[in-house]
Amino acid sequence: LRLSIEGEQRNSDTGREDRTGTEVTARLFHRLDNGVV
């Protein structure tokens, strides 16, 4: 299981308002006998 949290700040160069983002992700991996993940 891969867990991650990401914070991002984007400051606009086009005159639009800046924005702040947060993303939380969980990824589950499982490897089969035949080499397929």
PDB file of all heavy atoms in Angstrom:
ATOM      1  N   LEU A   1       0.856  -1.183   0.000  1.00  0.00           N
ATOM      2  CA  LEU A   1       0.000   0.000   0.000  1.00  0.00           C
ATOM      3  C   LEU A   1       0.892   1.233   0.000  1.00  0.00           C
ATOM      4  O   LEU A   1       1.769   1.367   0.854  1.00  0.00           O
ATOM      5  CB  LEU A   1      -0.915   0.005   1.226  1.00  0.00           C
ATOM      6  CG  LEU A   1      -1.829   1.223   1.400  1.00  0.00           C
ATOM      7  CD1 LEU A   1      -2.862   1.275   0.272  1.00  0.00           C
ATOM      8  CD2 LEU A   1      -2.518   1.178   2.762  1.00  0.00           C
ATOM      9  N   ARG A   2       0.666   2.134  -0.956  1.00  0.00           N
ATOM     10  CA  ARG A   2       1.434   3.371  -1.054  1.00  0.00           C
ATOM     11  C   ARG A   2       0.527   4.539  -0.699  1.00  0.00           C
ATOM     12  O   ARG A   2      -0.513   4.758  -1.345  1.00  0.00           O
ATOM     13  CB  ARG A   2       1.976   3.560  -2.471  1.00  0.00           C
ATOM     14  CG  ARG A   2       2.806   4.824  -2.670  1.00  0.00           C
ATOM     15  CD  ARG A   2       4.109   4.745  -1.943  1.00  0.00           C
ATOM     16  NE  ARG A   2       4.911   5.960  -2.107  1.00  0.00           N
ATOM     17  CZ  ARG A   2       6.036   6.195  -1.452  1.00  0.00           C
ATOM     18  NH1 ARG A   2       6.494   5.293  -0.604  1.00  0.00           N
ATOM     19  NH2 ARG A   2       6.710   7.306  -1.646  1.00  0.00           N
ATOM     20  N   LEU A   3       0.900   5.289   0.346  1.00  0.00           N
ATOM     21  CA  LEU A   3       0.141   6.440   0.796  1.00  0.00           C
ATOM     22  C   LEU A   3       0.950   7.703   0.537  1.00  0.00           C
ATOM     23  O   LEU A   3       2.166   7.724   0.772  1.00  0.00           O
ATOM     24  CB  LEU A   3      -0.176   6.328   2.288  1.00  0.00           C
ATOM     25  CG  LEU A   3      -0.940   5.090   2.735  1.00  0.00           C
ATOM     26  CD1 LEU A   3      -1.000   5.024   4.255  1.00  0.00           C
ATOM     27  CD2 LEU A   3      -2.341   5.086   2.140  1.00  0.00           C
ATOM     28  N   SER A   4       0.294   8.757   0.063  1.00  0.00           N
ATOM     29  CA  SER A   4       1.006  10.008  -0.174  1.00  0.00           C
ATOM     30  C   SER A   4       0.081  11.195   0.059  1.00  0.00           C
ATOM     31  O   SER A   4      -1.144  11.095  -0.107  1.00  0.00           O
ATOM     32  CB  SER A   4       1.559  10.063  -1.604  1.00  0.00           C
ATOM     33  OG  SER A   4       0.518  10.094  -2.565  1.00  0.00           O
ATOM     34  N   ILE A   5       0.688  12.302   0.458  1.00  0.00           N
ATOM     35  CA  ILE A   5      -0.030  13.561   0.600  1.00  0.00           C
ATOM     36  C   ILE A   5       0.816  14.641  -0.062  1.00  0.00           C
ATOM     37  O   ILE A   5       2.035  14.689   0.123  1.00  0.00           O
ATOM     38  CB  ILE A   5      -0.330  13.895   2.073  1.00  0.00           C
ATOM     39  CG1 ILE A   5      -1.106  15.209   2.156  1.00  0.00           C
ATOM     40  CG2 ILE A   5       0.946  13.926   2.913  1.00  0.00           C
ATOM     41  CD1 ILE A   5      -1.670  15.495   3.530  1.00  0.00           C
ATOM     42  N   GLU A   6       0.163  15.467  -0.856  1.00  0.00           N
ATOM     43  CA  GLU A   6       0.870  16.461  -1.656  1.00  0.00           C
ATOM     44  C   GLU A   6       0.209  17.827  -1.517  1.00  0.00           C
ATOM     45  O   GLU A   6      -1.017  17.946  -1.597  1.00  0.00           O
ATOM     46  CB  GLU A   6       0.873  16.036  -3.128  1.00  0.00           C
ATOM     47  CG  GLU A   6       1.581  16.988  -4.065  1.00  0.00           C
ATOM     48  CD  GLU A   6       1.626  16.439  -5.477  1.00  0.00           C
ATOM     49  OE1 GLU A   6       2.464  15.537  -5.737  1.00  0.00           O
ATOM     50  OE2 GLU A   6       0.827  16.885  -6.308  1.00  0.00           O
ATOM     51  N   GLY A   7       1.020  18.825  -1.275  1.00  0.00           N
ATOM     52  CA  GLY A   7       0.543  20.204  -1.245  1.00  0.00           C
ATOM     53  C   GLY A   7       1.162  20.981  -2.390  1.00  0.00           C
ATOM     54  O   GLY A   7       2.356  20.827  -2.686  1.00  0.00           O
ATOM     55  N   GLU A   8       0.359  21.806  -3.053  1.00  0.00           N
ATOM     56  CA  GLU A   8       0.839  22.521  -4.238  1.00  0.00           C
ATOM     57  C   GLU A   8       0.347  23.962  -4.220  1.00  0.00           C
ATOM     58  O   GLU A   8      -0.809  24.240  -3.897  1.00  0.00           O
ATOM     59  CB  GLU A   8       0.354  21.816  -5.506  1.00  0.00           C
ATOM     60  CG  GLU A   8       0.822  22.466  -6.790  1.00  0.00           C
ATOM     61  CD  GLU A   8       0.289  21.750  -8.017  1.00  0.00           C
ATOM     62  OE1 GLU A   8      -0.855  22.028  -8.417  1.00  0.00           O
ATOM     63  OE2 GLU A   8       1.021  20.889  -8.557  1.00  0.00           O
ATOM     64  N   GLN A   9       1.246  24.874  -4.568  1.00  0.00           N
ATOM     65  CA  GLN A   9       0.909  26.281  -4.712  1.00  0.00           C
ATOM     66  C   GLN A   9       1.163  26.704  -6.150  1.00  0.00           C
ATOM     67  O   GLN A   9       2.252  26.485  -6.685  1.00  0.00           O
ATOM     68  CB  GLN A   9       1.772  27.138  -3.764  1.00  0.00           C
ATOM     69  CG  GLN A   9       1.556  28.634  -3.894  1.00  0.00           C
ATOM     70  CD  GLN A   9       0.179  29.083  -3.413  1.00  0.00           C
ATOM     71  OE1 GLN A   9      -0.351  28.525  -2.452  1.00  0.00           O
ATOM     72  NE2 GLN A   9      -0.400  30.072  -4.072  1.00  0.00           N
ATOM     73  N   ARG A  10       0.139  27.285  -6.787  1.00  0.00           N
ATOM     74  CA  ARG A  10       0.268  27.777  -8.162  1.00  0.00           C
ATOM     75  C   ARG A  10      -0.006  29.272  -8.181  1.00  0.00           C
ATOM     76  O   ARG A  10      -1.111  29.710  -7.839  1.00  0.00           O
ATOM     77  CB  ARG A  10      -0.702  27.049  -9.102  1.00  0.00           C
ATOM     78  CG  ARG A  10      -0.298  25.621  -9.407  1.00  0.00           C
ATOM     79  CD  ARG A  10      -1.232  24.930 -10.389  1.00  0.00           C
ATOM     80  NE  ARG A  10      -0.739  23.611 -10.730  1.00  0.00           N
ATOM     81  CZ  ARG A  10      -0.052  23.307 -11.833  1.00  0.00           C
ATOM     82  NH1 ARG A  10       0.230  24.262 -12.710  1.00  0.00           N
ATOM     83  NH2 ARG A  10       0.367  22.076 -12.047  1.00  0.00           N
ATOM     84  N   ASN A  11       1.005  30.031  -8.579  1.00  0.00           N
ATOM     85  CA  ASN A  11       0.881  31.479  -8.724  1.00  0.00           C
ATOM     86  C   ASN A  11       0.774  31.812 -10.204  1.00  0.00           C
ATOM     87  O   ASN A  11       1.666  31.493 -10.993  1.00  0.00           O
ATOM     88  CB  ASN A  11       2.080  32.187  -8.099  1.00  0.00           C
ATOM     89  CG  ASN A  11       2.171  31.942  -6.596  1.00  0.00           C
ATOM     90  OD1 ASN A  11       1.153  31.739  -5.944  1.00  0.00           O
ATOM     91  ND2 ASN A  11       3.380  31.949  -6.062  1.00  0.00           N
ATOM     92  N   SER A  12      -0.324  32.454 -10.571  1.00  0.00           N
ATOM     93  CA  SER A  12      -0.629  32.679 -11.978  1.00  0.00           C
ATOM     94  C   SER A  12       0.241  33.775 -12.589  1.00  0.00           C
ATOM     95  O   SER A  12       0.551  34.777 -11.941  1.00  0.00           O
ATOM     96  CB  SER A  12      -2.104  33.039 -12.137  1.00  0.00           C
ATOM     97  OG  SER A  12      -2.404  33.334 -13.485  1.00  0.00           O
ATOM     98  N   ASP A  13       0.629  33.561 -13.847  1.00  0.00           N
ATOM     99  CA  ASP A  13       1.332  34.582 -14.638  1.00  0.00           C
ATOM    100  C   ASP A  13       0.395  35.284 -15.609  1.00  0.00           C
ATOM    101  O   ASP A  13       0.837  36.085 -16.432  1.00  0.00           O
ATOM    102  CB  ASP A  13       2.481  33.936 -15.430  1.00  0.00           C
ATOM    103  CG  ASP A  13       3.612  33.475 -14.536  1.00  0.00           C
ATOM    104  OD1 ASP A  13       3.982  34.218 -13.605  1.00  0.00           O
ATOM    105  OD2 ASP A  13       4.127  32.360 -14.762  1.00  0.00           O
ATOM    106  N   THR A  14      -0.900  34.981 -15.522  1.00  0.00           N
ATOM    107  CA  THR A  14      -1.857  35.532 -16.483  1.00  0.00           C
ATOM    108  C   THR A  14      -2.816  36.532 -15.850  1.00  0.00           C
ATOM    109  O   THR A  14      -3.772  36.961 -16.493  1.00  0.00           O
ATOM    110  CB  THR A  14      -2.680  34.387 -17.117  1.00  0.00           C
ATOM    111  OG1 THR A  14      -3.443  33.728 -16.094  1.00  0.00           O
ATOM    112  CG2 THR A  14      -1.768  33.384 -17.807  1.00  0.00           C
ATOM    113  N   GLY A  15      -2.587  36.886 -14.590  1.00  0.00           N
ATOM    114  CA  GLY A  15      -3.470  37.829 -13.923  1.00  0.00           C
ATOM    115  C   GLY A  15      -4.614  37.185 -13.172  1.00  0.00           C
ATOM    116  O   GLY A  15      -5.385  37.880 -12.510  1.00  0.00           O
ATOM    117  N   ARG A  16      -4.735  35.858 -13.266  1.00  0.00           N
ATOM    118  CA  ARG A  16      -5.780  35.162 -12.525  1.00  0.00           C
ATOM    119  C   ARG A  16      -5.356  35.013 -11.064  1.00  0.00           C
ATOM    120  O   ARG A  16      -4.190  35.195 -10.702  1.00  0.00           O
ATOM    121  CB  ARG A  16      -6.047  33.786 -13.129  1.00  0.00           C
ATOM    122  CG  ARG A  16      -6.447  33.830 -14.593  1.00  0.00           C
ATOM    123  CD  ARG A  16      -6.686  32.438 -15.143  1.00  0.00           C
ATOM    124  NE  ARG A  16      -7.881  31.825 -14.561  1.00  0.00           N
ATOM    125  CZ  ARG A  16      -8.277  30.587 -14.826  1.00  0.00           C
ATOM    126  NH1 ARG A  16      -7.549  29.817 -15.620  1.00  0.00           N
ATOM    127  NH2 ARG A  16      -9.380  30.113 -14.291  1.00  0.00           N
ATOM    128  N   GLU A  17      -6.313  34.657 -10.221  1.00  0.00           N
ATOM    129  CA  GLU A  17      -6.013  34.463  -8.807  1.00  0.00           C
ATOM    130  C   GLU A  17      -5.141  33.219  -8.615  1.00  0.00           C
ATOM    131  O   GLU A  17      -5.242  32.237  -9.360  1.00  0.00           O
ATOM    132  CB  GLU A  17      -7.309  34.317  -8.003  1.00  0.00           C
ATOM    133  CG  GLU A  17      -8.163  35.557  -7.943  1.00  0.00           C
ATOM    134  CD  GLU A  17      -7.526  36.665  -7.122  1.00  0.00           C
ATOM    135  OE1 GLU A  17      -6.581  36.384  -6.352  1.00  0.00           O
ATOM    136  OE2 GLU A  17      -7.987  37.826  -7.242  1.00  0.00           O
ATOM    137  N   ASP A  18      -4.274  33.278  -7.599  1.00  0.00           N
ATOM    138  CA  ASP A  18      -3.452  32.122  -7.257  1.00  0.00           C
ATOM    139  C   ASP A  18      -4.338  31.045  -6.631  1.00  0.00           C
ATOM    140  O   ASP A  18      -5.465  31.312  -6.202  1.00  0.00           O
ATOM    141  CB  ASP A  18      -2.349  32.520  -6.277  1.00  0.00           C
ATOM    142  CG  ASP A  18      -1.435  33.606  -6.851  1.00  0.00           C
ATOM    143  OD1 ASP A  18      -1.365  33.696  -8.092  1.00  0.00           O
ATOM    144  OD2 ASP A  18      -0.818  34.342  -6.056  1.00  0.00           O
ATOM    145  N   ARG A  19      -3.814  29.827  -6.559  1.00  0.00           N
ATOM    146  CA  ARG A  19      -4.587  28.741  -5.957  1.00  0.00           C
ATOM    147  C   ARG A  19      -3.670  27.771  -5.221  1.00  0.00           C
ATOM    148  O   ARG A  19      -2.489  27.616  -5.581  1.00  0.00           O
ATOM    149  CB  ARG A  19      -5.419  28.007  -7.006  1.00  0.00           C
ATOM    150  CG  ARG A  19      -4.641  27.449  -8.180  1.00  0.00           C
ATOM    151  CD  ARG A  19      -5.594  27.166  -9.335  1.00  0.00           C
ATOM    152  NE  ARG A  19      -4.961  26.495 -10.446  1.00  0.00           N
ATOM    153  CZ  ARG A  19      -4.272  27.131 -11.399  1.00  0.00           C
ATOM    154  NH1 ARG A  19      -4.118  28.461 -11.353  1.00  0.00           N
ATOM    155  NH2 ARG A  19      -3.746  26.465 -12.404  1.00  0.00           N
ATOM    156  N   THR A  20      -4.234  27.149  -4.213  1.00  0.00           N
ATOM    157  CA  THR A  20      -3.510  26.194  -3.380  1.00  0.00           C
ATOM    158  C   THR A  20      -4.259  24.870  -3.392  1.00  0.00           C
ATOM    159  O   THR A  20      -5.476  24.836  -3.194  1.00  0.00           O
ATOM    160  CB  THR A  20      -3.394  26.701  -1.933  1.00  0.00           C
ATOM    161  OG1 THR A  20      -2.745  27.969  -1.932  1.00  0.00           O
ATOM    162  CG2 THR A  20      -2.602  25.727  -1.081  1.00  0.00           C
ATOM    163  N   GLY A  21      -3.538  23.792  -3.634  1.00  0.00           N
ATOM    164  CA  GLY A  21      -4.178  22.485  -3.723  1.00  0.00           C
ATOM    165  C   GLY A  21      -3.567  21.468  -2.769  1.00  0.00           C
ATOM    166  O   GLY A  21      -2.380  21.536  -2.435  1.00  0.00           O
ATOM    167  N   THR A  22      -4.393  20.526  -2.342  1.00  0.00           N
ATOM    168  CA  THR A  22      -3.958  19.406  -1.513  1.00  0.00           C
ATOM    169  C   THR A  22      -4.525  18.125  -2.104  1.00  0.00           C
ATOM    170  O   THR A  22      -5.703  18.073  -2.477  1.00  0.00           O
ATOM    171  CB  THR A  22      -4.439  19.555  -0.065  1.00  0.00           C
ATOM    172  OG1 THR A  22      -3.997  20.810   0.463  1.00  0.00           O
ATOM    173  CG2 THR A  22      -3.894  18.431   0.801  1.00  0.00           C
ATOM    174  N   GLU A  23      -3.677  17.094  -2.186  1.00  0.00           N
ATOM    175  CA  GLU A  23      -4.136  15.809  -2.723  1.00  0.00           C
ATOM    176  C   GLU A  23      -3.639  14.678  -1.836  1.00  0.00           C
ATOM    177  O   GLU A  23      -2.457  14.610  -1.503  1.00  0.00           O
ATOM    178  CB  GLU A  23      -3.637  15.609  -4.148  1.00  0.00           C
ATOM    179  CG  GLU A  23      -4.131  14.322  -4.796  1.00  0.00           C
ATOM    180  CD  GLU A  23      -3.702  14.200  -6.247  1.00  0.00           C
ATOM    181  OE1 GLU A  23      -2.550  13.772  -6.476  1.00  0.00           O
ATOM    182  OE2 GLU A  23      -4.501  14.552  -7.135  1.00  0.00           O
ATOM    183  N   VAL A  24      -4.556  13.808  -1.459  1.00  0.00           N
ATOM    184  CA  VAL A  24      -4.230  12.612  -0.671  1.00  0.00           C
ATOM    185  C   VAL A  24      -4.532  11.394  -1.534  1.00  0.00           C
ATOM    186  O   VAL A  24      -5.626  11.288  -2.102  1.00  0.00           O
ATOM    187  CB  VAL A  24      -5.045  12.564   0.634  1.00  0.00           C
ATOM    188  CG1 VAL A  24      -4.710  11.294   1.417  1.00  0.00           C
ATOM    189  CG2 VAL A  24      -4.780  13.806   1.476  1.00  0.00           C
ATOM    190  N   THR A  25      -3.559  10.477  -1.646  1.00  0.00           N
ATOM    191  CA  THR A  25      -3.711   9.324  -2.538  1.00  0.00           C
ATOM    192  C   THR A  25      -3.328   8.041  -1.822  1.00  0.00           C
ATOM    193  O   THR A  25      -2.339   8.005  -1.077  1.00  0.00           O
ATOM    194  CB  THR A  25      -2.837   9.480  -3.799  1.00  0.00           C
ATOM    195  OG1 THR A  25      -3.171  10.702  -4.461  1.00  0.00           O
ATOM    196  CG2 THR A  25      -3.047   8.324  -4.768  1.00  0.00           C
ATOM    197  N   ALA A  26      -4.100   7.002  -2.069  1.00  0.00           N
ATOM    198  CA  ALA A  26      -3.785   5.653  -1.591  1.00  0.00           C
ATOM    199  C   ALA A  26      -3.766   4.724  -2.800  1.00  0.00           C
ATOM    200  O   ALA A  26      -4.716   4.700  -3.584  1.00  0.00           O
ATOM    201  CB  ALA A  26      -4.811   5.183  -0.567  1.00  0.00           C
ATOM    202  N   ARG A  27      -2.663   3.973  -2.953  1.00  0.00           N
ATOM    203  CA  ARG A  27      -2.525   3.031  -4.071  1.00  0.00           C
ATOM    204  C   ARG A  27      -2.229   1.646  -3.518  1.00  0.00           C
ATOM    205  O   ARG A  27      -1.310   1.476  -2.710  1.00  0.00           O
ATOM    206  CB  ARG A  27      -1.392   3.454  -5.010  1.00  0.00           C
ATOM    207  CG  ARG A  27      -1.577   4.803  -5.676  1.00  0.00           C
ATOM    208  CD  ARG A  27      -0.382   5.116  -6.573  1.00  0.00           C
ATOM    209  NE  ARG A  27      -0.528   6.387  -7.264  1.00  0.00           N
ATOM    210  CZ  ARG A  27      -0.132   7.555  -6.771  1.00  0.00           C
ATOM    211  NH1 ARG A  27       0.449   7.607  -5.567  1.00  0.00           N
ATOM    212  NH2 ARG A  27      -0.289   8.664  -7.462  1.00  0.00           N
ATOM    213  N   LEU A  28      -2.973   0.668  -3.983  1.00  0.00           N
ATOM    214  CA  LEU A  28      -2.788  -0.711  -3.550  1.00  0.00           C
ATOM    215  C   LEU A  28      -2.204  -1.516  -4.708  1.00  0.00           C
ATOM    216  O   LEU A  28      -2.742  -1.489  -5.826  1.00  0.00           O
ATOM    217  CB  LEU A  28      -4.126  -1.314  -3.123  1.00  0.00           C
ATOM    218  CG  LEU A  28      -4.091  -2.742  -2.569  1.00  0.00           C
ATOM    219  CD1 LEU A  28      -3.343  -2.790  -1.242  1.00  0.00           C
ATOM    220  CD2 LEU A  28      -5.518  -3.279  -2.403  1.00  0.00           C
ATOM    221  N   PHE A  29      -1.084  -2.219  -4.460  1.00  0.00           N
ATOM    222  CA  PHE A  29      -0.417  -3.022  -5.474  1.00  0.00           C
ATOM    223  C   PHE A  29      -0.469  -4.498  -5.089  1.00  0.00           C
ATOM    224  O   PHE A  29      -0.336  -4.847  -3.917  1.00  0.00           O
ATOM    225  CB  PHE A  29       1.061  -2.622  -5.599  1.00  0.00           C
ATOM    226  CG  PHE A  29       1.285  -1.183  -5.979  1.00  0.00           C
ATOM    227  CD1 PHE A  29       1.338  -0.195  -5.006  1.00  0.00           C
ATOM    228  CD2 PHE A  29       1.441  -0.829  -7.299  1.00  0.00           C
ATOM    229  CE1 PHE A  29       1.552   1.128  -5.333  1.00  0.00           C
ATOM    230  CE2 PHE A  29       1.651   0.494  -7.646  1.00  0.00           C
ATOM    231  CZ  PHE A  29       1.707   1.471  -6.675  1.00  0.00           C
ATOM    232  N   HIS A  30      -0.630  -5.353  -6.104  1.00  0.00           N
ATOM    233  CA  HIS A  30      -0.574  -6.794  -5.862  1.00  0.00           C
ATOM    234  C   HIS A  30       0.061  -7.464  -7.075  1.00  0.00           C
ATOM    235  O   HIS A  30      -0.336  -7.224  -8.219  1.00  0.00           O
ATOM    236  CB  HIS A  30      -1.971  -7.370  -5.633  1.00  0.00           C
ATOM    237  CG  HIS A  30      -1.952  -8.850  -5.376  1.00  0.00           C
ATOM    238  ND1 HIS A  30      -1.477  -9.402  -4.202  1.00  0.00           N
ATOM    239  CD2 HIS A  30      -2.334  -9.896  -6.173  1.00  0.00           C
ATOM    240  CE1 HIS A  30      -1.567 -10.710  -4.269  1.00  0.00           C
ATOM    241  NE2 HIS A  30      -2.089 -11.038  -5.441  1.00  0.00           N
ATOM    242  N   ARG A  31       1.065  -8.305  -6.812  1.00  0.00           N
ATOM    243  CA  ARG A  31       1.785  -8.998  -7.886  1.00  0.00           C
ATOM    244  C   ARG A  31       1.278 -10.430  -8.003  1.00  0.00           C
ATOM    245  O   ARG A  31       1.275 -11.190  -7.023  1.00  0.00           O
ATOM    246  CB  ARG A  31       3.284  -8.981  -7.601  1.00  0.00           C
ATOM    247  CG  ARG A  31       4.131  -9.665  -8.670  1.00  0.00           C
ATOM    248  CD  ARG A  31       5.612  -9.532  -8.381  1.00  0.00           C
ATOM    249  NE  ARG A  31       6.079  -8.165  -8.597  1.00  0.00           N
ATOM    250  CZ  ARG A  31       6.306  -7.286  -7.626  1.00  0.00           C
ATOM    251  NH1 ARG A  31       6.065  -7.606  -6.367  1.00  0.00           N
ATOM    252  NH2 ARG A  31       6.754  -6.083  -7.898  1.00  0.00           N
ATOM    253  N   LEU A  32       0.874 -10.821  -9.214  1.00  0.00           N
ATOM    254  CA  LEU A  32       0.380 -12.174  -9.469  1.00  0.00           C
ATOM    255  C   LEU A  32       1.542 -13.113  -9.770  1.00  0.00           C
ATOM    256  O   LEU A  32       2.676 -12.685 -10.025  1.00  0.00           O
ATOM    257  CB  LEU A  32      -0.598 -12.154 -10.647  1.00  0.00           C
ATOM    258  CG  LEU A  32      -1.831 -11.257 -10.501  1.00  0.00           C
ATOM    259  CD1 LEU A  32      -2.673 -11.323 -11.774  1.00  0.00           C
ATOM    260  CD2 LEU A  32      -2.664 -11.651  -9.284  1.00  0.00           C
ATOM    261  N   ASP A  33       1.246 -14.421  -9.789  1.00  0.00           N
ATOM    262  CA  ASP A  33       2.274 -15.433 -10.063  1.00  0.00           C
ATOM    263  C   ASP A  33       2.881 -15.276 -11.449  1.00  0.00           C
ATOM    264  O   ASP A  33       4.048 -15.606 -11.663  1.00  0.00           O
ATOM    265  CB  ASP A  33       1.682 -16.841  -9.929  1.00  0.00           C
ATOM    266  CG  ASP A  33       1.343 -17.177  -8.488  1.00  0.00           C
ATOM    267  OD1 ASP A  33       1.915 -16.545  -7.582  1.00  0.00           O
ATOM    268  OD2 ASP A  33       0.496 -18.070  -8.273  1.00  0.00           O
ATOM    269  N   ASN A  34       2.094 -14.804 -12.412  1.00  0.00           N
ATOM    270  CA  ASN A  34       2.574 -14.719 -13.795  1.00  0.00           C
ATOM    271  C   ASN A  34       3.330 -13.425 -14.094  1.00  0.00           C
ATOM    272  O   ASN A  34       3.627 -13.138 -15.254  1.00  0.00           O
ATOM    273  CB  ASN A  34       1.404 -14.854 -14.771  1.00  0.00           C
ATOM    274  CG  ASN A  34       0.338 -13.778 -14.550  1.00  0.00           C
ATOM    275  OD1 ASN A  34       0.495 -12.886 -13.711  1.00  0.00           O
ATOM    276  ND2 ASN A  34      -0.748 -13.869 -15.302  1.00  0.00           N
ATOM    277  N   GLY A  35       3.659 -12.629 -13.061  1.00  0.00           N
ATOM    278  CA  GLY A  35       4.430 -11.413 -13.284  1.00  0.00           C
ATOM    279  C   GLY A  35       3.603 -10.194 -13.615  1.00  0.00           C
ATOM    280  O   GLY A  35       4.148  -9.136 -13.922  1.00  0.00           O
ATOM    281  N   VAL A  36       2.285 -10.308 -13.563  1.00  0.00           N
ATOM    282  CA  VAL A  36       1.409  -9.152 -13.791  1.00  0.00           C
ATOM    283  C   VAL A  36       1.178  -8.446 -12.452  1.00  0.00           C
ATOM    284  O   VAL A  36       0.892  -9.092 -11.445  1.00  0.00           O
ATOM    285  CB  VAL A  36       0.063  -9.587 -14.395  1.00  0.00           C
ATOM    286  CG1 VAL A  36      -0.881  -8.395 -14.530  1.00  0.00           C
ATOM    287  CG2 VAL A  36       0.285 -10.247 -15.754  1.00  0.00           C
ATOM    288  N   VAL A  37       1.337  -7.132 -12.458  1.00  0.00           N
ATOM    289  CA  VAL A  37       1.112  -6.337 -11.256  1.00  0.00           C
ATOM    290  C   VAL A  37      -0.202  -5.572 -11.414  1.00  0.00           C
ATOM    291  O   VAL A  37      -0.415  -4.876 -12.414  1.00  0.00           O
ATOM    292  CB  VAL A  37       2.260  -5.341 -11.016  1.00  0.00           C
ATOM    293  CG1 VAL A  37       1.999  -4.505  -9.759  1.00  0.00           C
ATOM    294  CG2 VAL A  37       3.585  -6.075 -10.883  1.00  0.00           C
TER     295      VAL A  37
END
